[in-house]
């Protein structure tokens, strides 16, 4: 994942990038999920994070082979 931490204000968005580094992986697709969609949502394929409400959430990128990477998202009040 291109970031391990991210700070956003409510309503802000940012796109995370993750790539498969295994040379022999046939399927290099990645699926993104959020630990708390009430705080931050993420599009499953594109990795676009949207800050929904103040708090913390973990965005996880998972490869088809089960490898994972995470980014801790902190959402602050709207500025």
PDB file of N, CA and C in Angstrom:
ATOM      1  N   UNK A   1       0.861  -1.172   0.000  1.00  0.00           N
ATOM      2  CA  UNK A   1       0.000   0.000   0.000  1.00  0.00           C
ATOM      3  C   UNK A   1       0.903   1.230   0.000  1.00  0.00           C
ATOM      4  N   UNK A   2       0.484   2.248  -0.721  1.00  0.00           N
ATOM      5  CA  UNK A   2       1.329   3.436  -0.829  1.00  0.00           C
ATOM      6  C   UNK A   2       1.351   4.279   0.439  1.00  0.00           C
ATOM      7  N   UNK A   3       0.396   4.084   1.362  1.00  0.00           N
ATOM      8  CA  UNK A   3       0.383   4.807   2.642  1.00  0.00           C
ATOM      9  C   UNK A   3       0.011   3.844   3.760  1.00  0.00           C
ATOM     10  N   UNK A   4       0.611   4.057   4.938  1.00  0.00           N
ATOM     11  CA  UNK A   4       0.248   3.237   6.100  1.00  0.00           C
ATOM     12  C   UNK A   4      -0.637   4.018   7.051  1.00  0.00           C
ATOM     13  N   UNK A   5      -0.631   5.349   6.933  1.00  0.00           N
ATOM     14  CA  UNK A   5      -1.533   6.198   7.713  1.00  0.00           C
ATOM     15  C   UNK A   5      -2.094   7.271   6.802  1.00  0.00           C
ATOM     16  N   UNK A   6      -3.281   7.742   7.146  1.00  0.00           N
ATOM     17  CA  UNK A   6      -3.950   8.765   6.352  1.00  0.00           C
ATOM     18  C   UNK A   6      -4.847   9.568   7.273  1.00  0.00           C
ATOM     19  N   UNK A   7      -4.807  10.890   7.136  1.00  0.00           N
ATOM     20  CA  UNK A   7      -5.671  11.761   7.923  1.00  0.00           C
ATOM     21  C   UNK A   7      -6.537  12.564   6.959  1.00  0.00           C
ATOM     22  N   UNK A   8      -7.849  12.483   7.148  1.00  0.00           N
ATOM     23  CA  UNK A   8      -8.806  13.182   6.297  1.00  0.00           C
ATOM     24  C   UNK A   8      -9.832  13.898   7.156  1.00  0.00           C
ATOM     25  N   UNK A   9     -10.354  15.003   6.664  1.00  0.00           N
ATOM     26  CA  UNK A   9     -11.471  15.645   7.351  1.00  0.00           C
ATOM     27  C   UNK A   9     -12.769  15.074   6.773  1.00  0.00           C
ATOM     28  N   UNK A  10     -13.845  15.157   7.536  1.00  0.00           N
ATOM     29  CA  UNK A  10     -15.137  14.614   7.113  1.00  0.00           C
ATOM     30  C   UNK A  10     -15.490  15.161   5.731  1.00  0.00           C
ATOM     31  N   UNK A  11     -15.863  14.260   4.835  1.00  0.00           N
ATOM     32  CA  UNK A  11     -16.251  14.639   3.466  1.00  0.00           C
ATOM     33  C   UNK A  11     -15.114  14.573   2.463  1.00  0.00           C
ATOM     34  N   UNK A  12     -13.876  14.494   2.937  1.00  0.00           N
ATOM     35  CA  UNK A  12     -12.721  14.451   2.036  1.00  0.00           C
ATOM     36  C   UNK A  12     -12.531  13.041   1.475  1.00  0.00           C
ATOM     37  N   UNK A  13     -11.821  12.961   0.343  1.00  0.00           N
ATOM     38  CA  UNK A  13     -11.533  11.669  -0.276  1.00  0.00           C
ATOM     39  C   UNK A  13     -10.055  11.590  -0.645  1.00  0.00           C
ATOM     40  N   UNK A  14      -9.571  10.376  -0.739  1.00  0.00           N
ATOM     41  CA  UNK A  14      -8.215  10.125  -1.227  1.00  0.00           C
ATOM     42  C   UNK A  14      -8.167   8.697  -1.744  1.00  0.00           C
ATOM     43  N   UNK A  15      -7.412   8.473  -2.802  1.00  0.00           N
ATOM     44  CA  UNK A  15      -7.304   7.138  -3.380  1.00  0.00           C
ATOM     45  C   UNK A  15      -5.997   6.486  -2.963  1.00  0.00           C
ATOM     46  N   UNK A  16      -6.130   5.287  -2.385  1.00  0.00           N
ATOM     47  CA  UNK A  16      -4.963   4.501  -1.986  1.00  0.00           C
ATOM     48  C   UNK A  16      -4.565   3.589  -3.143  1.00  0.00           C
ATOM     49  N   UNK A  17      -3.283   3.275  -3.201  1.00  0.00           N
ATOM     50  CA  UNK A  17      -2.787   2.371  -4.231  1.00  0.00           C
ATOM     51  C   UNK A  17      -2.113   1.186  -3.555  1.00  0.00           C
ATOM     52  N   UNK A  18      -2.390   0.019  -4.074  1.00  0.00           N
ATOM     53  CA  UNK A  18      -1.742  -1.193  -3.595  1.00  0.00           C
ATOM     54  C   UNK A  18      -1.406  -2.044  -4.807  1.00  0.00           C
ATOM     55  N   UNK A  19      -0.246  -2.673  -4.770  1.00  0.00           N
ATOM     56  CA  UNK A  19       0.107  -3.542  -5.881  1.00  0.00           C
ATOM     57  C   UNK A  19       0.691  -4.846  -5.384  1.00  0.00           C
ATOM     58  N   UNK A  20       0.501  -5.869  -6.195  1.00  0.00           N
ATOM     59  CA  UNK A  20       1.015  -7.194  -5.880  1.00  0.00           C
ATOM     60  C   UNK A  20       2.478  -7.233  -6.302  1.00  0.00           C
ATOM     61  N   UNK A  21       3.351  -7.590  -5.381  1.00  0.00           N
ATOM     62  CA  UNK A  21       4.786  -7.612  -5.677  1.00  0.00           C
ATOM     63  C   UNK A  21       5.304  -9.007  -6.026  1.00  0.00           C
ATOM     64  N   UNK A  22       4.485 -10.018  -5.815  1.00  0.00           N
ATOM     65  CA  UNK A  22       4.905 -11.388  -6.125  1.00  0.00           C
ATOM     66  C   UNK A  22       5.066 -11.548  -7.631  1.00  0.00           C
ATOM     67  N   UNK A  23       6.259 -11.955  -8.044  1.00  0.00           N
ATOM     68  CA  UNK A  23       6.560 -12.117  -9.474  1.00  0.00           C
ATOM     69  C   UNK A  23       5.689 -13.183 -10.135  1.00  0.00           C
ATOM     70  N   UNK A  24       5.386 -14.258  -9.401  1.00  0.00           N
ATOM     71  CA  UNK A  24       4.666 -15.375 -10.006  1.00  0.00           C
ATOM     72  C   UNK A  24       3.152 -15.331  -9.784  1.00  0.00           C
ATOM     73  N   UNK A  25       2.626 -14.234  -9.272  1.00  0.00           N
ATOM     74  CA  UNK A  25       1.177 -14.119  -9.080  1.00  0.00           C
ATOM     75  C   UNK A  25       0.503 -13.944 -10.436  1.00  0.00           C
ATOM     76  N   UNK A  26      -0.438 -14.824 -10.735  1.00  0.00           N
ATOM     77  CA  UNK A  26      -1.157 -14.732 -12.006  1.00  0.00           C
ATOM     78  C   UNK A  26      -2.219 -13.640 -11.951  1.00  0.00           C
ATOM     79  N   UNK A  27      -2.901 -13.535 -10.825  1.00  0.00           N
ATOM     80  CA  UNK A  27      -3.959 -12.535 -10.658  1.00  0.00           C
ATOM     81  C   UNK A  27      -3.413 -11.441  -9.748  1.00  0.00           C
ATOM     82  N   UNK A  28      -3.209 -10.260 -10.281  1.00  0.00           N
ATOM     83  CA  UNK A  28      -2.624  -9.159  -9.499  1.00  0.00           C
ATOM     84  C   UNK A  28      -3.692  -8.181  -8.996  1.00  0.00           C
ATOM     85  N   UNK A  29      -4.948  -8.617  -8.951  1.00  0.00           N
ATOM     86  CA  UNK A  29      -6.005  -7.731  -8.474  1.00  0.00           C
ATOM     87  C   UNK A  29      -5.992  -7.643  -6.951  1.00  0.00           C
ATOM     88  N   UNK A  30      -6.518  -6.510  -6.445  1.00  0.00           N
ATOM     89  CA  UNK A  30      -6.549  -6.227  -5.012  1.00  0.00           C
ATOM     90  C   UNK A  30      -7.956  -5.792  -4.646  1.00  0.00           C
ATOM     91  N   UNK A  31      -8.439  -6.239  -3.496  1.00  0.00           N
ATOM     92  CA  UNK A  31      -9.763  -5.870  -2.985  1.00  0.00           C
ATOM     93  C   UNK A  31      -9.572  -5.031  -1.730  1.00  0.00           C
ATOM     94  N   UNK A  32     -10.216  -3.862  -1.683  1.00  0.00           N
ATOM     95  CA  UNK A  32     -10.119  -2.976  -0.525  1.00  0.00           C
ATOM     96  C   UNK A  32     -11.367  -3.111   0.354  1.00  0.00           C
ATOM     97  N   UNK A  33     -11.155  -3.086   1.690  1.00  0.00           N
ATOM     98  CA  UNK A  33     -12.272  -3.107   2.639  1.00  0.00           C
ATOM     99  C   UNK A  33     -11.984  -2.136   3.777  1.00  0.00           C
ATOM    100  N   UNK A  34     -13.048  -1.702   4.469  1.00  0.00           N
ATOM    101  CA  UNK A  34     -12.922  -0.810   5.615  1.00  0.00           C
ATOM    102  C   UNK A  34     -13.370  -1.538   6.873  1.00  0.00           C
ATOM    103  N   UNK A  35     -12.656  -1.297   7.966  1.00  0.00           N
ATOM    104  CA  UNK A  35     -13.028  -1.920   9.244  1.00  0.00           C
ATOM    105  C   UNK A  35     -14.256  -1.255   9.865  1.00  0.00           C
ATOM    106  N   UNK A  36     -14.556  -0.020   9.455  1.00  0.00           N
ATOM    107  CA  UNK A  36     -15.691   0.717  10.026  1.00  0.00           C
ATOM    108  C   UNK A  36     -16.246   1.683   8.977  1.00  0.00           C
ATOM    109  N   UNK A  37     -17.259   1.237   8.248  1.00  0.00           N
ATOM    110  CA  UNK A  37     -17.821   2.058   7.172  1.00  0.00           C
ATOM    111  C   UNK A  37     -18.600   3.263   7.686  1.00  0.00           C
ATOM    112  N   UNK A  38     -18.856   3.319   8.992  1.00  0.00           N
ATOM    113  CA  UNK A  38     -19.495   4.508   9.565  1.00  0.00           C
ATOM    114  C   UNK A  38     -18.483   5.651   9.677  1.00  0.00           C
ATOM    115  N   UNK A  39     -17.190   5.324   9.650  1.00  0.00           N
ATOM    116  CA  UNK A  39     -16.120   6.317   9.758  1.00  0.00           C
ATOM    117  C   UNK A  39     -15.516   6.615   8.392  1.00  0.00           C
ATOM    118  N   UNK A  40     -15.169   5.562   7.648  1.00  0.00           N
ATOM    119  CA  UNK A  40     -14.557   5.725   6.327  1.00  0.00           C
ATOM    120  C   UNK A  40     -14.987   4.579   5.426  1.00  0.00           C
ATOM    121  N   UNK A  41     -15.413   4.923   4.218  1.00  0.00           N
ATOM    122  CA  UNK A  41     -15.752   3.909   3.227  1.00  0.00           C
ATOM    123  C   UNK A  41     -14.630   3.843   2.208  1.00  0.00           C
ATOM    124  N   UNK A  42     -14.579   2.737   1.468  1.00  0.00           N
ATOM    125  CA  UNK A  42     -13.573   2.588   0.411  1.00  0.00           C
ATOM    126  C   UNK A  42     -14.192   1.812  -0.741  1.00  0.00           C
ATOM    127  N   UNK A  43     -13.903   2.234  -1.965  1.00  0.00           N
ATOM    128  CA  UNK A  43     -14.395   1.479  -3.118  1.00  0.00           C
ATOM    129  C   UNK A  43     -13.571   0.201  -3.225  1.00  0.00           C
ATOM    130  N   UNK A  44     -14.235  -0.942  -3.458  1.00  0.00           N
ATOM    131  CA  UNK A  44     -13.549  -2.234  -3.394  1.00  0.00           C
ATOM    132  C   UNK A  44     -12.399  -2.402  -4.388  1.00  0.00           C
ATOM    133  N   UNK A  45     -12.526  -1.834  -5.587  1.00  0.00           N
ATOM    134  CA  UNK A  45     -11.516  -2.043  -6.623  1.00  0.00           C
ATOM    135  C   UNK A  45     -10.586  -0.844  -6.771  1.00  0.00           C
ATOM    136  N   UNK A  46     -11.143   0.361  -6.745  1.00  0.00           N
ATOM    137  CA  UNK A  46     -10.339   1.558  -6.981  1.00  0.00           C
ATOM    138  C   UNK A  46      -9.564   2.031  -5.751  1.00  0.00           C
ATOM    139  N   UNK A  47     -10.029   1.702  -4.553  1.00  0.00           N
ATOM    140  CA  UNK A  47      -9.345   2.126  -3.331  1.00  0.00           C
ATOM    141  C   UNK A  47      -9.595   3.572  -2.947  1.00  0.00           C
ATOM    142  N   UNK A  48     -10.707   4.149  -3.418  1.00  0.00           N
ATOM    143  CA  UNK A  48     -11.026   5.539  -3.080  1.00  0.00           C
ATOM    144  C   UNK A  48     -11.673   5.589  -1.697  1.00  0.00           C
ATOM    145  N   UNK A  49     -10.982   6.254  -0.767  1.00  0.00           N
ATOM    146  CA  UNK A  49     -11.445   6.362   0.615  1.00  0.00           C
ATOM    147  C   UNK A  49     -12.255   7.653   0.759  1.00  0.00           C
ATOM    148  N   UNK A  50     -13.423   7.551   1.395  1.00  0.00           N
ATOM    149  CA  UNK A  50     -14.240   8.714   1.701  1.00  0.00           C
ATOM    150  C   UNK A  50     -14.425   8.790   3.208  1.00  0.00           C
ATOM    151  N   UNK A  51     -14.071   9.942   3.780  1.00  0.00           N
ATOM    152  CA  UNK A  51     -14.229  10.159   5.224  1.00  0.00           C
ATOM    153  C   UNK A  51     -15.688  10.482   5.510  1.00  0.00           C
ATOM    154  N   UNK A  52     -16.329   9.679   6.363  1.00  0.00           N
ATOM    155  CA  UNK A  52     -17.764   9.803   6.629  1.00  0.00           C
ATOM    156  C   UNK A  52     -18.036  10.528   7.948  1.00  0.00           C
ATOM    157  N   UNK A  53     -17.329  10.123   9.002  1.00  0.00           N
ATOM    158  CA  UNK A  53     -17.560  10.693  10.336  1.00  0.00           C
ATOM    159  C   UNK A  53     -16.270  10.618  11.140  1.00  0.00           C
ATOM    160  N   UNK A  54     -16.178  11.449  12.163  1.00  0.00           N
ATOM    161  CA  UNK A  54     -14.981  11.503  13.000  1.00  0.00           C
ATOM    162  C   UNK A  54     -14.704  10.140  13.637  1.00  0.00           C
ATOM    163  N   UNK A  55     -13.438   9.733  13.627  1.00  0.00           N
ATOM    164  CA  UNK A  55     -13.053   8.464  14.236  1.00  0.00           C
ATOM    165  C   UNK A  55     -11.871   7.850  13.511  1.00  0.00           C
ATOM    166  N   UNK A  56     -11.694   6.543  13.731  1.00  0.00           N
ATOM    167  CA  UNK A  56     -10.585   5.811  13.104  1.00  0.00           C
ATOM    168  C   UNK A  56     -11.117   4.546  12.443  1.00  0.00           C
ATOM    169  N   UNK A  57     -10.513   4.206  11.317  1.00  0.00           N
ATOM    170  CA  UNK A  57     -10.853   2.968  10.618  1.00  0.00           C
ATOM    171  C   UNK A  57      -9.581   2.435   9.966  1.00  0.00           C
ATOM    172  N   UNK A  58      -9.563   1.144   9.729  1.00  0.00           N
ATOM    173  CA  UNK A  58      -8.446   0.524   9.039  1.00  0.00           C
ATOM    174  C   UNK A  58      -8.901   0.091   7.657  1.00  0.00           C
ATOM    175  N   UNK A  59      -8.176   0.537   6.637  1.00  0.00           N
ATOM    176  CA  UNK A  59      -8.443   0.098   5.272  1.00  0.00           C
ATOM    177  C   UNK A  59      -7.480  -1.047   4.993  1.00  0.00           C
ATOM    178  N   UNK A  60      -8.026  -2.165   4.526  1.00  0.00           N
ATOM    179  CA  UNK A  60      -7.209  -3.333   4.227  1.00  0.00           C
ATOM    180  C   UNK A  60      -7.284  -3.645   2.743  1.00  0.00           C
ATOM    181  N   UNK A  61      -6.116  -3.856   2.146  1.00  0.00           N
ATOM    182  CA  UNK A  61      -6.029  -4.310   0.751  1.00  0.00           C
ATOM    183  C   UNK A  61      -5.649  -5.775   0.793  1.00  0.00           C
ATOM    184  N   UNK A  62      -6.430  -6.622   0.120  1.00  0.00           N
ATOM    185  CA  UNK A  62      -6.186  -8.059   0.131  1.00  0.00           C
ATOM    186  C   UNK A  62      -6.035  -8.566  -1.299  1.00  0.00           C
ATOM    187  N   UNK A  63      -4.963  -9.329  -1.544  1.00  0.00           N
ATOM    188  CA  UNK A  63      -4.763  -9.918  -2.866  1.00  0.00           C
ATOM    189  C   UNK A  63      -5.577 -11.206  -2.969  1.00  0.00           C
ATOM    190  N   UNK A  64      -5.705 -11.723  -4.181  1.00  0.00           N
ATOM    191  CA  UNK A  64      -6.426 -12.981  -4.364  1.00  0.00           C
ATOM    192  C   UNK A  64      -5.696 -14.143  -3.700  1.00  0.00           C
ATOM    193  N   UNK A  65      -4.398 -13.962  -3.433  1.00  0.00           N
ATOM    194  CA  UNK A  65      -3.615 -15.004  -2.757  1.00  0.00           C
ATOM    195  C   UNK A  65      -3.649 -14.863  -1.238  1.00  0.00           C
ATOM    196  N   UNK A  66      -4.389 -13.851  -0.735  1.00  0.00           N
ATOM    197  CA  UNK A  66      -4.558 -13.706   0.703  1.00  0.00           C
ATOM    198  C   UNK A  66      -3.565 -12.793   1.395  1.00  0.00           C
ATOM    199  N   UNK A  67      -2.647 -12.175   0.654  1.00  0.00           N
ATOM    200  CA  UNK A  67      -1.713 -11.231   1.261  1.00  0.00           C
ATOM    201  C   UNK A  67      -2.458  -9.935   1.565  1.00  0.00           C
ATOM    202  N   UNK A  68      -2.091  -9.274   2.670  1.00  0.00           N
ATOM    203  CA  UNK A  68      -2.783  -8.045   3.046  1.00  0.00           C
ATOM    204  C   UNK A  68      -1.805  -6.917   3.349  1.00  0.00           C
ATOM    205  N   UNK A  69      -2.321  -5.700   3.215  1.00  0.00           N
ATOM    206  CA  UNK A  69      -1.623  -4.486   3.624  1.00  0.00           C
ATOM    207  C   UNK A  69      -2.685  -3.575   4.216  1.00  0.00           C
ATOM    208  N   UNK A  70      -2.307  -2.751   5.193  1.00  0.00           N
ATOM    209  CA  UNK A  70      -3.292  -1.900   5.847  1.00  0.00           C
ATOM    210  C   UNK A  70      -2.870  -0.440   5.874  1.00  0.00           C
ATOM    211  N   UNK A  71      -3.880   0.417   6.001  1.00  0.00           N
ATOM    212  CA  UNK A  71      -3.675   1.849   6.173  1.00  0.00           C
ATOM    213  C   UNK A  71      -4.632   2.310   7.265  1.00  0.00           C
ATOM    214  N   UNK A  72      -4.073   2.938   8.312  1.00  0.00           N
ATOM    215  CA  UNK A  72      -4.889   3.451   9.406  1.00  0.00           C
ATOM    216  C   UNK A  72      -5.388   4.843   9.028  1.00  0.00           C
ATOM    217  N   UNK A  73      -6.710   5.006   8.982  1.00  0.00           N
ATOM    218  CA  UNK A  73      -7.319   6.271   8.586  1.00  0.00           C
ATOM    219  C   UNK A  73      -7.881   6.974   9.823  1.00  0.00           C
ATOM    220  N   UNK A  74      -7.501   8.222   9.996  1.00  0.00           N
ATOM    221  CA  UNK A  74      -8.052   9.058  11.064  1.00  0.00           C
ATOM    222  C   UNK A  74      -8.897  10.135  10.408  1.00  0.00           C
ATOM    223  N   UNK A  75     -10.164  10.196  10.812  1.00  0.00           N
ATOM    224  CA  UNK A  75     -11.072  11.206  10.264  1.00  0.00           C
ATOM    225  C   UNK A  75     -11.303  12.278  11.327  1.00  0.00           C
ATOM    226  N   UNK A  76     -11.057  13.516  10.934  1.00  0.00           N
ATOM    227  CA  UNK A  76     -11.215  14.655  11.834  1.00  0.00           C
ATOM    228  C   UNK A  76     -12.450  15.455  11.438  1.00  0.00           C
ATOM    229  N   UNK A  77     -12.956  16.306  12.321  1.00  0.00           N
ATOM    230  CA  UNK A  77     -14.151  17.101  11.986  1.00  0.00           C
ATOM    231  C   UNK A  77     -13.903  17.974  10.756  1.00  0.00           C
ATOM    232  N   UNK A  78     -14.988  18.268  10.065  1.00  0.00           N
ATOM    233  CA  UNK A  78     -14.916  19.112   8.873  1.00  0.00           C
ATOM    234  C   UNK A  78     -14.301  20.464   9.204  1.00  0.00           C
ATOM    235  N   UNK A  79     -13.408  20.922   8.349  1.00  0.00           N
ATOM    236  CA  UNK A  79     -12.727  22.200   8.611  1.00  0.00           C
ATOM    237  C   UNK A  79     -13.484  23.357   8.039  1.00  0.00           C
TER     238      UNK A  79
END
